[in-house]
Amino acid sequence: MEKTTMTALEIAEYLGVNRATIYRWSLYAGLPSKQVNGRVRLYNKEKVDEWVKGEGNEVKEGGNEA
């Protein structure tokens, strides 16, 4: 069974970017996430995949990490 809820570190490894980039994308570029207990961010893999296929490509291709 494939894991669908992932941490920032797991999503960073999955996308091949730094964890800080994931946090920036979450805050400024609309990367979908849920904040739990006011400090932990969790990511749904399917929603992240959709984001990457859509507007996320603009961030990666443009070279501007928000």
N, C-alpha and C. Protein backbone atom coordinates (compact mmCIF):
# COMPACT_ATOMS: atom_id res chain seq x y z
N MET A 1 0.83 -1.19 0.00
CA MET A 1 0.00 0.00 0.00
C MET A 1 0.88 1.26 0.00
N GLU A 2 0.63 2.13 -0.93
CA GLU A 2 1.43 3.34 -1.07
C GLU A 2 0.97 4.40 -0.07
N LYS A 3 1.93 5.07 0.52
CA LYS A 3 1.65 6.12 1.50
C LYS A 3 1.12 7.36 0.78
N THR A 4 -0.01 7.91 1.26
CA THR A 4 -0.57 9.08 0.59
C THR A 4 -0.34 10.37 1.37
N THR A 5 -0.20 10.30 2.69
CA THR A 5 0.10 11.49 3.49
C THR A 5 1.57 11.48 3.82
N MET A 6 2.24 12.58 3.51
CA MET A 6 3.69 12.63 3.65
C MET A 6 4.13 13.90 4.38
N THR A 7 5.30 13.85 4.98
CA THR A 7 5.88 15.01 5.64
C THR A 7 6.59 15.88 4.60
N ALA A 8 7.02 17.06 5.03
CA ALA A 8 7.76 17.95 4.13
C ALA A 8 9.04 17.29 3.63
N LEU A 9 9.73 16.59 4.51
CA LEU A 9 10.97 15.92 4.11
C LEU A 9 10.69 14.83 3.08
N GLU A 10 9.64 14.06 3.29
CA GLU A 10 9.29 12.99 2.34
C GLU A 10 8.90 13.57 0.98
N ILE A 11 8.12 14.65 0.99
CA ILE A 11 7.73 15.29 -0.27
C ILE A 11 8.95 15.89 -0.97
N ALA A 12 9.85 16.47 -0.19
CA ALA A 12 11.08 17.03 -0.77
C ALA A 12 11.89 15.95 -1.47
N GLU A 13 12.04 14.81 -0.81
CA GLU A 13 12.78 13.69 -1.42
C GLU A 13 12.05 13.18 -2.65
N TYR A 14 10.73 13.10 -2.58
CA TYR A 14 9.91 12.63 -3.69
C TYR A 14 10.06 13.54 -4.91
N LEU A 15 10.09 14.86 -4.68
CA LEU A 15 10.20 15.82 -5.78
C LEU A 15 11.64 16.17 -6.15
N GLY A 16 12.58 15.75 -5.32
CA GLY A 16 13.99 16.01 -5.61
C GLY A 16 14.41 17.45 -5.35
N VAL A 17 13.81 18.05 -4.33
CA VAL A 17 14.18 19.42 -3.95
C VAL A 17 14.49 19.46 -2.46
N ASN A 18 14.98 20.61 -2.01
CA ASN A 18 15.29 20.81 -0.61
C ASN A 18 14.01 21.00 0.21
N ARG A 19 14.04 20.61 1.48
CA ARG A 19 12.87 20.76 2.34
C ARG A 19 12.47 22.24 2.48
N ALA A 20 13.44 23.13 2.51
CA ALA A 20 13.13 24.57 2.60
C ALA A 20 12.33 25.03 1.38
N THR A 21 12.62 24.46 0.22
CA THR A 21 11.89 24.78 -1.00
C THR A 21 10.43 24.36 -0.85
N ILE A 22 10.19 23.21 -0.26
CA ILE A 22 8.81 22.74 -0.03
C ILE A 22 8.06 23.73 0.85
N TYR A 23 8.70 24.19 1.92
CA TYR A 23 8.04 25.17 2.79
C TYR A 23 7.76 26.48 2.05
N ARG A 24 8.70 26.94 1.23
CA ARG A 24 8.48 28.17 0.45
C ARG A 24 7.32 27.99 -0.51
N TRP A 25 7.31 26.86 -1.22
CA TRP A 25 6.22 26.60 -2.16
C TRP A 25 4.88 26.54 -1.43
N SER A 26 4.88 25.97 -0.22
CA SER A 26 3.64 25.88 0.56
C SER A 26 3.13 27.26 0.93
N LEU A 27 4.03 28.12 1.34
CA LEU A 27 3.64 29.45 1.81
C LEU A 27 3.36 30.44 0.69
N TYR A 28 4.15 30.38 -0.39
CA TYR A 28 4.09 31.43 -1.40
C TYR A 28 3.61 30.99 -2.79
N ALA A 29 3.66 29.70 -3.09
CA ALA A 29 3.31 29.26 -4.44
C ALA A 29 2.09 28.35 -4.48
N GLY A 30 1.46 28.12 -3.33
CA GLY A 30 0.22 27.37 -3.33
C GLY A 30 0.34 25.86 -3.29
N LEU A 31 1.50 25.33 -2.92
CA LEU A 31 1.64 23.88 -2.78
C LEU A 31 0.67 23.43 -1.69
N PRO A 32 -0.27 22.53 -2.02
CA PRO A 32 -1.30 22.15 -1.05
C PRO A 32 -0.74 21.38 0.14
N SER A 33 -1.12 21.84 1.34
CA SER A 33 -0.68 21.17 2.57
C SER A 33 -1.68 21.46 3.67
N LYS A 34 -1.57 20.69 4.74
CA LYS A 34 -2.38 20.90 5.94
C LYS A 34 -1.44 21.11 7.10
N GLN A 35 -1.72 22.13 7.90
CA GLN A 35 -0.90 22.36 9.09
C GLN A 35 -1.61 21.69 10.27
N VAL A 36 -0.87 20.85 10.99
CA VAL A 36 -1.42 20.10 12.11
C VAL A 36 -0.77 20.59 13.40
N ASN A 37 -1.57 20.82 14.41
CA ASN A 37 -1.08 21.27 15.72
C ASN A 37 -0.26 22.55 15.64
N GLY A 38 -0.52 23.37 14.64
CA GLY A 38 0.15 24.66 14.53
C GLY A 38 1.59 24.63 14.09
N ARG A 39 2.15 23.45 13.85
CA ARG A 39 3.57 23.45 13.45
C ARG A 39 3.93 22.39 12.41
N VAL A 40 3.27 21.28 12.36
CA VAL A 40 3.62 20.21 11.43
C VAL A 40 2.80 20.36 10.16
N ARG A 41 3.46 20.35 9.01
CA ARG A 41 2.77 20.39 7.72
C ARG A 41 2.77 19.00 7.11
N LEU A 42 1.59 18.58 6.66
CA LEU A 42 1.45 17.30 5.99
C LEU A 42 0.96 17.54 4.57
N TYR A 43 1.37 16.65 3.68
CA TYR A 43 1.07 16.80 2.26
C TYR A 43 0.40 15.54 1.74
N ASN A 44 -0.65 15.72 0.94
CA ASN A 44 -1.30 14.60 0.28
C ASN A 44 -0.60 14.41 -1.06
N LYS A 45 -0.04 13.22 -1.26
CA LYS A 45 0.76 12.95 -2.46
C LYS A 45 -0.02 13.20 -3.75
N GLU A 46 -1.28 12.80 -3.78
CA GLU A 46 -2.08 12.99 -4.99
C GLU A 46 -2.29 14.47 -5.30
N LYS A 47 -2.56 15.27 -4.26
CA LYS A 47 -2.74 16.71 -4.47
C LYS A 47 -1.45 17.39 -4.90
N VAL A 48 -0.34 16.93 -4.33
CA VAL A 48 0.97 17.47 -4.72
C VAL A 48 1.25 17.14 -6.18
N ASP A 49 0.96 15.89 -6.58
CA ASP A 49 1.15 15.49 -7.98
C ASP A 49 0.33 16.39 -8.92
N GLU A 50 -0.92 16.66 -8.55
CA GLU A 50 -1.77 17.52 -9.37
C GLU A 50 -1.18 18.93 -9.45
N TRP A 51 -0.69 19.44 -8.32
CA TRP A 51 -0.11 20.78 -8.28
C TRP A 51 1.12 20.86 -9.18
N VAL A 52 1.96 19.83 -9.12
CA VAL A 52 3.18 19.81 -9.94
C VAL A 52 2.82 19.79 -11.42
N LYS A 53 1.80 19.03 -11.79
CA LYS A 53 1.39 18.96 -13.20
C LYS A 53 0.79 20.27 -13.68
N GLY A 54 0.20 21.01 -12.76
CA GLY A 54 -0.43 22.28 -13.12
C GLY A 54 0.49 23.45 -12.88
N GLU A 55 0.17 24.23 -11.87
CA GLU A 55 0.93 25.46 -11.62
C GLU A 55 2.34 25.22 -11.11
N GLY A 56 2.62 24.08 -10.55
CA GLY A 56 3.96 23.80 -10.06
C GLY A 56 5.00 23.82 -11.17
N ASN A 57 4.61 23.45 -12.38
CA ASN A 57 5.54 23.48 -13.50
C ASN A 57 6.03 24.88 -13.78
N GLU A 58 5.17 25.86 -13.59
CA GLU A 58 5.57 27.25 -13.82
C GLU A 58 6.68 27.65 -12.85
N VAL A 59 6.58 27.19 -11.61
CA VAL A 59 7.60 27.51 -10.61
C VAL A 59 8.91 26.84 -10.97
N LYS A 60 8.88 25.54 -11.30
CA LYS A 60 10.10 24.81 -11.61
C LYS A 60 10.75 25.31 -12.89
N GLU A 61 9.95 25.48 -13.95
CA GLU A 61 10.51 25.87 -15.24
C GLU A 61 11.00 27.31 -15.23
N GLY A 62 10.34 28.16 -14.47
CA GLY A 62 10.73 29.56 -14.42
C GLY A 62 11.98 29.79 -13.60
N GLY A 63 12.36 28.79 -12.80
CA GLY A 63 13.55 28.92 -11.99
C GLY A 63 13.34 29.76 -10.74
N ASN A 64 12.14 30.28 -10.57
CA ASN A 64 11.83 31.08 -9.38
C ASN A 64 11.09 30.22 -8.39
N GLU A 65 11.72 29.97 -7.26
CA GLU A 65 11.11 29.10 -6.27
C GLU A 65 10.27 29.92 -5.30
N ALA A 66 9.44 30.76 -5.84
CA ALA A 66 8.51 31.61 -5.10
C ALA A 66 9.25 32.45 -4.12
